[in-house]
């Protein structure tokens, strides 16, 4: 068991017309540089929309908020604008679908700004009258105001 842990093998595939020592050394150098770059970069950092697992693996506290079905796109736009990482999950057991947004950011000011702006846009949309309803009201008013066209009588002048 100890020997298998200590031994590491690497498969390196090279495409060449003629295998020379220079070609082999270049391939090994390329592999070593690739490993170094990978170690320097560290684990991949996800930004913006992501899964809950990716979000919670970032070692920061996550905040959650319940979002209605109609507010998902608006929340995504606002969160991207402020650079907040977020994940959206759907509650499968609720009859009208309920979506929960988990989000986090490095500073709490960005989180508060996202929550405030989302609530303002949601309140504005509730208070805003429906365009279709207003159009129906204006159609009714237009029907009441229709005046029949005057009948023009042509007279011949002699």
N, C-alpha and C. Protein backbone atom coordinates (compact mmCIF):
# COMPACT_ATOMS: atom_id res chain seq x y z
N UNK A 1 0.83 -1.19 0.00
CA UNK A 1 0.00 0.00 0.00
C UNK A 1 0.88 1.25 0.00
N UNK A 2 1.92 1.27 0.79
CA UNK A 2 2.82 2.42 0.87
C UNK A 2 3.46 2.70 -0.49
N UNK A 3 3.84 1.65 -1.17
CA UNK A 3 4.50 1.83 -2.47
C UNK A 3 3.56 2.45 -3.49
N UNK A 4 2.28 2.08 -3.48
CA UNK A 4 1.33 2.64 -4.45
C UNK A 4 1.07 4.11 -4.19
N UNK A 5 1.13 4.52 -2.92
CA UNK A 5 0.94 5.92 -2.60
C UNK A 5 2.16 6.73 -3.03
N UNK A 6 3.35 6.18 -2.84
CA UNK A 6 4.56 6.90 -3.18
C UNK A 6 4.79 6.96 -4.69
N UNK A 7 4.33 5.96 -5.41
CA UNK A 7 4.52 5.94 -6.86
C UNK A 7 3.41 6.75 -7.53
N UNK A 8 3.84 7.60 -8.44
CA UNK A 8 2.87 8.34 -9.23
C UNK A 8 3.28 8.20 -10.68
N UNK A 9 2.33 7.91 -11.51
CA UNK A 9 2.63 7.77 -12.94
C UNK A 9 1.87 8.83 -13.71
N UNK A 10 2.45 9.23 -14.80
CA UNK A 10 1.84 10.24 -15.64
C UNK A 10 1.83 9.72 -17.07
N UNK A 11 0.68 9.81 -17.72
CA UNK A 11 0.60 9.47 -19.13
C UNK A 11 0.73 10.76 -19.93
N UNK A 12 1.68 10.80 -20.82
CA UNK A 12 1.94 11.98 -21.61
C UNK A 12 1.88 11.57 -23.08
N UNK A 13 0.97 12.15 -23.82
CA UNK A 13 0.81 11.82 -25.23
C UNK A 13 1.41 12.94 -26.07
N UNK A 14 2.26 12.57 -27.01
CA UNK A 14 2.91 13.54 -27.88
C UNK A 14 2.64 13.15 -29.32
N UNK A 15 2.33 14.12 -30.14
CA UNK A 15 2.14 13.87 -31.56
C UNK A 15 3.34 14.47 -32.29
N UNK A 16 4.11 13.66 -32.90
CA UNK A 16 5.30 14.15 -33.60
C UNK A 16 5.62 13.24 -34.78
N UNK A 17 6.32 13.82 -35.74
CA UNK A 17 6.74 13.02 -36.89
C UNK A 17 7.94 12.15 -36.55
N UNK A 18 8.88 12.73 -35.82
CA UNK A 18 10.09 12.00 -35.44
C UNK A 18 10.35 12.30 -33.97
N UNK A 19 10.40 11.28 -33.14
CA UNK A 19 10.61 11.47 -31.72
C UNK A 19 12.09 11.72 -31.46
N UNK A 20 12.36 12.89 -30.91
CA UNK A 20 13.74 13.23 -30.57
C UNK A 20 13.80 13.61 -29.11
N UNK A 21 15.00 13.75 -28.61
CA UNK A 21 15.20 14.11 -27.20
C UNK A 21 14.66 15.52 -26.95
N UNK A 22 14.86 16.41 -27.90
CA UNK A 22 14.40 17.79 -27.76
C UNK A 22 12.86 17.83 -27.64
N UNK A 23 12.18 17.04 -28.43
CA UNK A 23 10.72 16.97 -28.42
C UNK A 23 10.23 16.42 -27.08
N UNK A 24 10.86 15.40 -26.58
CA UNK A 24 10.48 14.78 -25.31
C UNK A 24 10.69 15.74 -24.14
N UNK A 25 11.81 16.44 -24.14
CA UNK A 25 12.10 17.41 -23.06
C UNK A 25 11.09 18.55 -23.11
N UNK A 26 10.73 19.02 -24.30
CA UNK A 26 9.74 20.09 -24.42
C UNK A 26 8.38 19.68 -23.90
N UNK A 27 7.99 18.44 -24.15
CA UNK A 27 6.70 17.95 -23.66
C UNK A 27 6.68 17.85 -22.14
N UNK A 28 7.77 17.36 -21.55
CA UNK A 28 7.84 17.25 -20.09
C UNK A 28 7.83 18.65 -19.46
N UNK A 29 8.56 19.60 -20.07
CA UNK A 29 8.55 20.98 -19.56
C UNK A 29 7.14 21.58 -19.63
N UNK A 30 6.46 21.33 -20.72
CA UNK A 30 5.10 21.83 -20.86
C UNK A 30 4.17 21.27 -19.79
N UNK A 31 4.32 19.99 -19.50
CA UNK A 31 3.50 19.36 -18.46
C UNK A 31 3.80 19.96 -17.09
N UNK A 32 5.09 20.16 -16.79
CA UNK A 32 5.48 20.73 -15.49
C UNK A 32 4.95 22.16 -15.36
N UNK A 33 5.04 22.96 -16.43
CA UNK A 33 4.50 24.33 -16.38
C UNK A 33 2.99 24.33 -16.19
N UNK A 34 2.33 23.38 -16.82
CA UNK A 34 0.88 23.26 -16.66
C UNK A 34 0.51 22.95 -15.20
N UNK A 35 1.22 22.04 -14.57
CA UNK A 35 0.96 21.69 -13.16
C UNK A 35 1.23 22.88 -12.25
N UNK A 36 2.30 23.62 -12.51
CA UNK A 36 2.62 24.80 -11.68
C UNK A 36 1.51 25.85 -11.78
N UNK A 37 1.06 26.13 -12.99
CA UNK A 37 0.00 27.12 -13.17
C UNK A 37 -1.28 26.69 -12.46
N UNK A 38 -1.57 25.40 -12.53
CA UNK A 38 -2.78 24.88 -11.89
C UNK A 38 -2.69 25.03 -10.37
N UNK A 39 -1.51 24.79 -9.80
CA UNK A 39 -1.33 24.92 -8.35
C UNK A 39 -1.42 26.38 -7.92
N UNK A 40 -0.89 27.29 -8.74
CA UNK A 40 -0.91 28.71 -8.39
C UNK A 40 -2.32 29.29 -8.43
N UNK A 41 -3.13 28.80 -9.35
CA UNK A 41 -4.49 29.32 -9.47
C UNK A 41 -5.37 28.89 -8.32
N UNK A 42 -5.14 27.74 -7.77
CA UNK A 42 -5.95 27.24 -6.67
C UNK A 42 -7.30 26.74 -7.17
N UNK A 43 -8.25 26.53 -6.27
CA UNK A 43 -9.55 26.03 -6.70
C UNK A 43 -10.29 27.09 -7.51
N UNK A 44 -11.18 26.64 -8.39
CA UNK A 44 -11.91 27.54 -9.26
C UNK A 44 -12.90 28.35 -8.45
N UNK A 45 -12.96 29.65 -8.71
CA UNK A 45 -13.85 30.57 -8.02
C UNK A 45 -15.02 30.88 -8.95
N UNK A 46 -16.21 30.58 -8.51
CA UNK A 46 -17.39 30.84 -9.32
C UNK A 46 -17.92 32.22 -9.02
N UNK A 47 -18.47 32.89 -10.02
CA UNK A 47 -19.03 34.23 -9.87
C UNK A 47 -20.46 34.24 -10.39
N UNK A 48 -21.29 35.08 -9.81
CA UNK A 48 -22.66 35.23 -10.29
C UNK A 48 -23.54 34.06 -9.92
N UNK A 49 -24.36 33.61 -10.87
CA UNK A 49 -25.29 32.52 -10.62
C UNK A 49 -24.54 31.20 -10.54
N UNK A 50 -24.87 30.37 -9.56
CA UNK A 50 -24.19 29.10 -9.34
C UNK A 50 -25.09 28.17 -8.55
N UNK A 51 -24.61 26.97 -8.28
CA UNK A 51 -25.40 26.03 -7.49
C UNK A 51 -25.20 26.33 -6.00
N UNK A 52 -26.09 25.78 -5.18
CA UNK A 52 -25.99 26.01 -3.74
C UNK A 52 -24.71 25.40 -3.19
N UNK A 53 -24.32 24.24 -3.70
CA UNK A 53 -23.11 23.57 -3.24
C UNK A 53 -21.87 24.43 -3.53
N UNK A 54 -21.80 25.00 -4.71
CA UNK A 54 -20.67 25.88 -5.06
C UNK A 54 -20.68 27.13 -4.19
N UNK A 55 -21.86 27.65 -3.91
CA UNK A 55 -21.97 28.87 -3.12
C UNK A 55 -21.51 28.65 -1.68
N UNK A 56 -21.91 27.53 -1.10
CA UNK A 56 -21.57 27.27 0.30
C UNK A 56 -20.12 26.82 0.47
N UNK A 57 -19.46 26.42 -0.61
CA UNK A 57 -18.07 25.99 -0.50
C UNK A 57 -17.10 27.16 -0.50
N UNK A 58 -17.59 28.39 -0.55
CA UNK A 58 -16.72 29.56 -0.62
C UNK A 58 -16.32 30.11 0.74
N UNK A 59 -16.67 29.44 1.81
CA UNK A 59 -16.26 29.82 3.17
C UNK A 59 -16.73 31.20 3.59
N UNK A 60 -17.92 31.56 3.22
CA UNK A 60 -18.54 32.78 3.69
C UNK A 60 -19.96 32.43 4.09
N UNK A 61 -20.56 33.25 4.92
CA UNK A 61 -21.93 32.98 5.31
C UNK A 61 -22.89 33.34 4.19
N UNK A 62 -23.91 32.55 4.02
CA UNK A 62 -24.90 32.80 2.97
C UNK A 62 -26.19 33.29 3.60
N UNK A 63 -26.86 34.20 2.92
CA UNK A 63 -28.14 34.73 3.35
C UNK A 63 -29.20 34.24 2.39
N UNK A 64 -30.39 33.98 2.89
CA UNK A 64 -31.45 33.50 2.01
C UNK A 64 -32.64 34.45 2.05
N UNK A 65 -33.41 34.42 0.94
CA UNK A 65 -34.59 35.27 0.83
C UNK A 65 -35.59 34.56 -0.08
N UNK A 66 -36.85 34.60 0.28
CA UNK A 66 -37.89 33.97 -0.53
C UNK A 66 -38.28 34.94 -1.65
N UNK A 67 -38.31 34.40 -2.87
CA UNK A 67 -38.65 35.20 -4.05
C UNK A 67 -39.87 34.56 -4.70
N UNK A 68 -40.79 35.39 -5.13
CA UNK A 68 -41.94 34.88 -5.85
C UNK A 68 -41.54 34.45 -7.25
N UNK A 69 -42.45 33.78 -7.92
CA UNK A 69 -42.19 33.27 -9.27
C UNK A 69 -41.91 34.41 -10.25
N UNK A 70 -42.59 35.54 -10.08
CA UNK A 70 -42.44 36.63 -11.04
C UNK A 70 -41.19 37.47 -10.82
N UNK A 71 -40.49 37.30 -9.69
CA UNK A 71 -39.36 38.17 -9.39
C UNK A 71 -37.99 37.58 -9.62
N UNK A 72 -37.89 36.42 -10.24
CA UNK A 72 -36.59 35.75 -10.38
C UNK A 72 -35.67 36.53 -11.30
N UNK A 73 -36.16 36.91 -12.46
CA UNK A 73 -35.30 37.61 -13.42
C UNK A 73 -34.86 38.96 -12.88
N UNK A 74 -35.76 39.65 -12.22
CA UNK A 74 -35.42 40.96 -11.66
C UNK A 74 -34.34 40.81 -10.58
N UNK A 75 -34.46 39.78 -9.76
CA UNK A 75 -33.44 39.54 -8.73
C UNK A 75 -32.09 39.23 -9.37
N UNK A 76 -32.08 38.43 -10.44
CA UNK A 76 -30.82 38.10 -11.10
C UNK A 76 -30.15 39.34 -11.67
N UNK A 77 -30.93 40.22 -12.29
CA UNK A 77 -30.36 41.47 -12.84
C UNK A 77 -29.73 42.32 -11.74
N UNK A 78 -30.43 42.47 -10.63
CA UNK A 78 -29.94 43.33 -9.55
C UNK A 78 -28.70 42.71 -8.91
N UNK A 79 -28.71 41.39 -8.69
CA UNK A 79 -27.57 40.73 -8.05
C UNK A 79 -26.33 40.81 -8.94
N UNK A 80 -26.48 40.66 -10.24
CA UNK A 80 -25.34 40.77 -11.14
C UNK A 80 -24.80 42.20 -11.17
N UNK A 81 -25.69 43.17 -11.07
CA UNK A 81 -25.28 44.58 -11.09
C UNK A 81 -24.37 44.90 -9.90
N UNK A 82 -24.67 44.31 -8.74
CA UNK A 82 -23.90 44.58 -7.54
C UNK A 82 -22.77 43.58 -7.31
N UNK A 83 -22.59 42.61 -8.19
CA UNK A 83 -21.50 41.64 -8.07
C UNK A 83 -21.69 40.66 -6.92
N UNK A 84 -22.90 40.23 -6.71
CA UNK A 84 -23.22 39.31 -5.63
C UNK A 84 -23.32 37.90 -6.19
N UNK A 85 -22.73 36.92 -5.50
CA UNK A 85 -22.86 35.51 -5.88
C UNK A 85 -24.18 34.99 -5.33
N UNK A 86 -24.93 34.24 -6.16
CA UNK A 86 -26.25 33.78 -5.71
C UNK A 86 -26.59 32.43 -6.31
N UNK A 87 -27.50 31.74 -5.64
CA UNK A 87 -28.04 30.46 -6.11
C UNK A 87 -29.54 30.47 -5.85
N UNK A 88 -30.30 29.97 -6.82
CA UNK A 88 -31.76 29.97 -6.69
C UNK A 88 -32.24 28.52 -6.67
N UNK A 89 -33.06 28.20 -5.67
CA UNK A 89 -33.62 26.86 -5.56
C UNK A 89 -35.15 26.94 -5.59
N UNK A 90 -35.78 25.89 -6.07
CA UNK A 90 -37.23 25.82 -6.17
C UNK A 90 -37.75 24.81 -5.16
N UNK A 91 -38.76 25.20 -4.40
CA UNK A 91 -39.40 24.29 -3.46
C UNK A 91 -40.35 23.40 -4.25
N UNK A 92 -40.06 22.12 -4.31
CA UNK A 92 -40.81 21.19 -5.15
C UNK A 92 -42.17 20.84 -4.56
N UNK A 93 -42.35 21.02 -3.28
CA UNK A 93 -43.56 20.55 -2.63
C UNK A 93 -44.63 21.63 -2.51
N UNK A 94 -44.32 22.87 -2.81
CA UNK A 94 -45.32 23.94 -2.74
C UNK A 94 -46.13 23.95 -4.03
N UNK A 95 -47.46 24.15 -3.89
CA UNK A 95 -48.32 24.12 -5.06
C UNK A 95 -48.06 25.31 -5.98
N UNK A 96 -48.18 26.57 -5.54
CA UNK A 96 -47.59 27.59 -6.39
C UNK A 96 -46.09 27.57 -6.12
N UNK A 97 -45.25 27.54 -7.15
CA UNK A 97 -43.82 27.38 -6.91
C UNK A 97 -43.24 28.50 -6.06
N UNK A 98 -42.42 28.12 -5.10
CA UNK A 98 -41.75 29.07 -4.23
C UNK A 98 -40.26 28.96 -4.47
N UNK A 99 -39.63 30.06 -4.80
CA UNK A 99 -38.20 30.09 -5.07
C UNK A 99 -37.47 30.77 -3.92
N UNK A 100 -36.35 30.20 -3.54
CA UNK A 100 -35.52 30.77 -2.48
C UNK A 100 -34.17 31.12 -3.09
N UNK A 101 -33.72 32.33 -2.79
CA UNK A 101 -32.42 32.78 -3.30
C UNK A 101 -31.43 32.79 -2.15
N UNK A 102 -30.31 32.09 -2.33
CA UNK A 102 -29.20 32.15 -1.39
C UNK A 102 -28.16 33.04 -2.03
N UNK A 103 -27.63 33.99 -1.28
CA UNK A 103 -26.64 34.88 -1.87
C UNK A 103 -25.63 35.30 -0.84
N UNK A 104 -24.46 35.71 -1.35
CA UNK A 104 -23.39 36.19 -0.48
C UNK A 104 -22.52 37.16 -1.25
N UNK A 105 -21.89 38.04 -0.49
CA UNK A 105 -20.95 38.99 -1.06
C UNK A 105 -19.91 39.28 0.01
N UNK A 106 -18.79 39.86 -0.40
CA UNK A 106 -17.73 40.12 0.56
C UNK A 106 -18.13 41.19 1.56
N UNK A 107 -18.87 42.19 1.12
CA UNK A 107 -19.29 43.24 2.05
C UNK A 107 -20.81 43.22 2.22
N UNK A 108 -21.25 43.51 3.40
CA UNK A 108 -22.67 43.47 3.71
C UNK A 108 -23.44 44.61 3.04
N UNK A 109 -22.74 45.69 2.67
CA UNK A 109 -23.41 46.80 2.02
C UNK A 109 -24.02 46.37 0.68
N UNK A 110 -23.29 45.54 -0.06
CA UNK A 110 -23.81 45.06 -1.36
C UNK A 110 -25.05 44.20 -1.15
N UNK A 111 -25.03 43.35 -0.12
CA UNK A 111 -26.21 42.51 0.15
C UNK A 111 -27.42 43.37 0.52
N UNK A 112 -27.19 44.36 1.35
CA UNK A 112 -28.29 45.23 1.76
C UNK A 112 -28.83 46.03 0.57
N UNK A 113 -27.93 46.47 -0.31
CA UNK A 113 -28.36 47.22 -1.48
C UNK A 113 -29.20 46.35 -2.41
N UNK A 114 -28.80 45.10 -2.58
CA UNK A 114 -29.57 44.18 -3.43
C UNK A 114 -30.95 43.95 -2.84
N UNK A 115 -31.02 43.69 -1.55
CA UNK A 115 -32.31 43.43 -0.91
C UNK A 115 -33.22 44.66 -0.97
N UNK A 116 -32.65 45.85 -0.70
CA UNK A 116 -33.46 47.07 -0.74
C UNK A 116 -33.99 47.35 -2.14
N UNK A 117 -33.12 47.26 -3.13
CA UNK A 117 -33.55 47.56 -4.49
C UNK A 117 -34.57 46.54 -4.99
N UNK A 118 -34.39 45.27 -4.63
CA UNK A 118 -35.36 44.25 -5.04
C UNK A 118 -36.73 44.52 -4.42
N UNK A 119 -36.76 44.87 -3.14
CA UNK A 119 -38.03 45.18 -2.49
C UNK A 119 -38.68 46.42 -3.08
N UNK A 120 -37.88 47.43 -3.45
CA UNK A 120 -38.44 48.64 -4.06
C UNK A 120 -39.06 48.32 -5.41
N UNK A 121 -38.37 47.53 -6.23
CA UNK A 121 -38.92 47.20 -7.54
C UNK A 121 -40.17 46.33 -7.41
N UNK A 122 -40.18 45.46 -6.44
CA UNK A 122 -41.36 44.61 -6.22
C UNK A 122 -42.55 45.46 -5.78
N UNK A 123 -42.33 46.43 -4.87
CA UNK A 123 -43.41 47.30 -4.42
C UNK A 123 -43.90 48.19 -5.56
N UNK A 124 -42.98 48.68 -6.39
CA UNK A 124 -43.35 49.52 -7.52
C UNK A 124 -44.21 48.75 -8.51
N UNK A 125 -43.87 47.50 -8.76
CA UNK A 125 -44.65 46.70 -9.69
C UNK A 125 -46.04 46.38 -9.15
N UNK A 126 -46.18 46.25 -7.82
CA UNK A 126 -47.50 46.00 -7.24
C UNK A 126 -48.39 47.22 -7.39
N UNK A 127 -47.83 48.41 -7.17
CA UNK A 127 -48.61 49.64 -7.23
C UNK A 127 -48.90 50.07 -8.66
N UNK A 128 -48.09 49.64 -9.60
CA UNK A 128 -48.24 50.06 -10.99
C UNK A 128 -49.50 49.43 -11.58
N UNK A 129 -50.36 50.26 -12.20
CA UNK A 129 -51.58 49.71 -12.78
C UNK A 129 -51.26 48.91 -14.04
N UNK A 130 -52.12 47.97 -14.34
CA UNK A 130 -51.93 47.11 -15.50
C UNK A 130 -52.20 47.91 -16.78
N UNK A 131 -51.34 47.75 -17.76
CA UNK A 131 -51.49 48.46 -19.03
C UNK A 131 -52.72 47.94 -19.77
N UNK A 132 -52.97 46.65 -19.71
CA UNK A 132 -54.12 46.07 -20.39
C UNK A 132 -55.42 46.58 -19.77
N UNK A 133 -55.44 46.69 -18.44
CA UNK A 133 -56.63 47.20 -17.76
C UNK A 133 -56.88 48.66 -18.14
N UNK A 134 -55.80 49.47 -18.19
CA UNK A 134 -55.94 50.87 -18.59
C UNK A 134 -56.42 50.99 -20.03
N UNK A 135 -55.92 50.13 -20.90
CA UNK A 135 -56.33 50.14 -22.30
C UNK A 135 -57.82 49.83 -22.42
N UNK A 136 -58.31 48.89 -21.62
CA UNK A 136 -59.75 48.58 -21.62
C UNK A 136 -60.58 49.77 -21.19
N UNK A 137 -60.11 50.49 -20.16
CA UNK A 137 -60.84 51.68 -19.68
C UNK A 137 -60.90 52.74 -20.77
N UNK A 138 -59.78 52.97 -21.45
CA UNK A 138 -59.74 53.97 -22.51
C UNK A 138 -60.59 53.57 -23.71
N UNK A 139 -60.70 52.28 -23.98
CA UNK A 139 -61.56 51.81 -25.07
C UNK A 139 -63.01 52.13 -24.76
N UNK A 140 -63.42 51.89 -23.50
CA UNK A 140 -64.80 52.19 -23.09
C UNK A 140 -65.09 53.68 -23.22
N UNK A 141 -64.14 54.51 -22.81
CA UNK A 141 -64.34 55.96 -22.91
C UNK A 141 -64.43 56.39 -24.37
N UNK A 142 -63.62 55.76 -25.22
CA UNK A 142 -63.64 56.11 -26.63
C UNK A 142 -64.97 55.73 -27.27
N UNK A 143 -65.55 54.60 -26.85
CA UNK A 143 -66.84 54.19 -27.40
C UNK A 143 -67.93 55.17 -27.02
N UNK A 144 -67.88 55.71 -25.82
CA UNK A 144 -68.88 56.67 -25.36
C UNK A 144 -68.78 57.99 -26.11
N UNK A 145 -67.60 58.36 -26.52
CA UNK A 145 -67.38 59.66 -27.14
C UNK A 145 -67.52 59.66 -28.65
N UNK A 146 -67.84 58.55 -29.23
CA UNK A 146 -67.95 58.49 -30.69
C UNK A 146 -69.15 59.34 -31.12
N UNK A 147 -68.88 60.25 -31.98
CA UNK A 147 -69.93 61.10 -32.54
C UNK A 147 -70.09 60.68 -33.99
N UNK A 148 -71.33 60.52 -34.36
CA UNK A 148 -71.56 60.09 -35.73
C UNK A 148 -71.11 61.18 -36.68
N UNK A 149 -70.51 60.74 -37.75
CA UNK A 149 -70.02 61.70 -38.74
C UNK A 149 -71.19 62.45 -39.35
N UNK A 150 -70.99 63.73 -39.58
CA UNK A 150 -72.03 64.56 -40.17
C UNK A 150 -72.24 64.13 -41.61
N UNK A 151 -73.46 64.16 -41.99
CA UNK A 151 -73.79 63.80 -43.36
C UNK A 151 -73.58 65.04 -44.22
N UNK A 152 -72.76 64.90 -45.23
CA UNK A 152 -72.50 66.03 -46.10
C UNK A 152 -73.48 65.97 -47.28
N UNK A 153 -74.03 67.08 -47.51
CA UNK A 153 -74.99 67.18 -48.60
C UNK A 153 -74.34 68.01 -49.70
N UNK A 154 -74.33 67.44 -50.86
CA UNK A 154 -73.76 68.18 -51.98
C UNK A 154 -74.87 68.99 -52.67
N UNK A 155 -74.59 70.21 -52.84
CA UNK A 155 -75.55 71.07 -53.51
C UNK A 155 -74.95 71.50 -54.83
N UNK A 156 -75.78 71.53 -55.80
CA UNK A 156 -75.32 71.98 -57.09
C UNK A 156 -75.59 73.49 -57.19
N UNK A 157 -74.61 74.16 -57.58
CA UNK A 157 -74.77 75.61 -57.75
C UNK A 157 -75.02 75.87 -59.25
N UNK A 158 -76.11 76.64 -59.51
CA UNK A 158 -76.44 76.91 -60.89
C UNK A 158 -76.10 78.28 -61.24
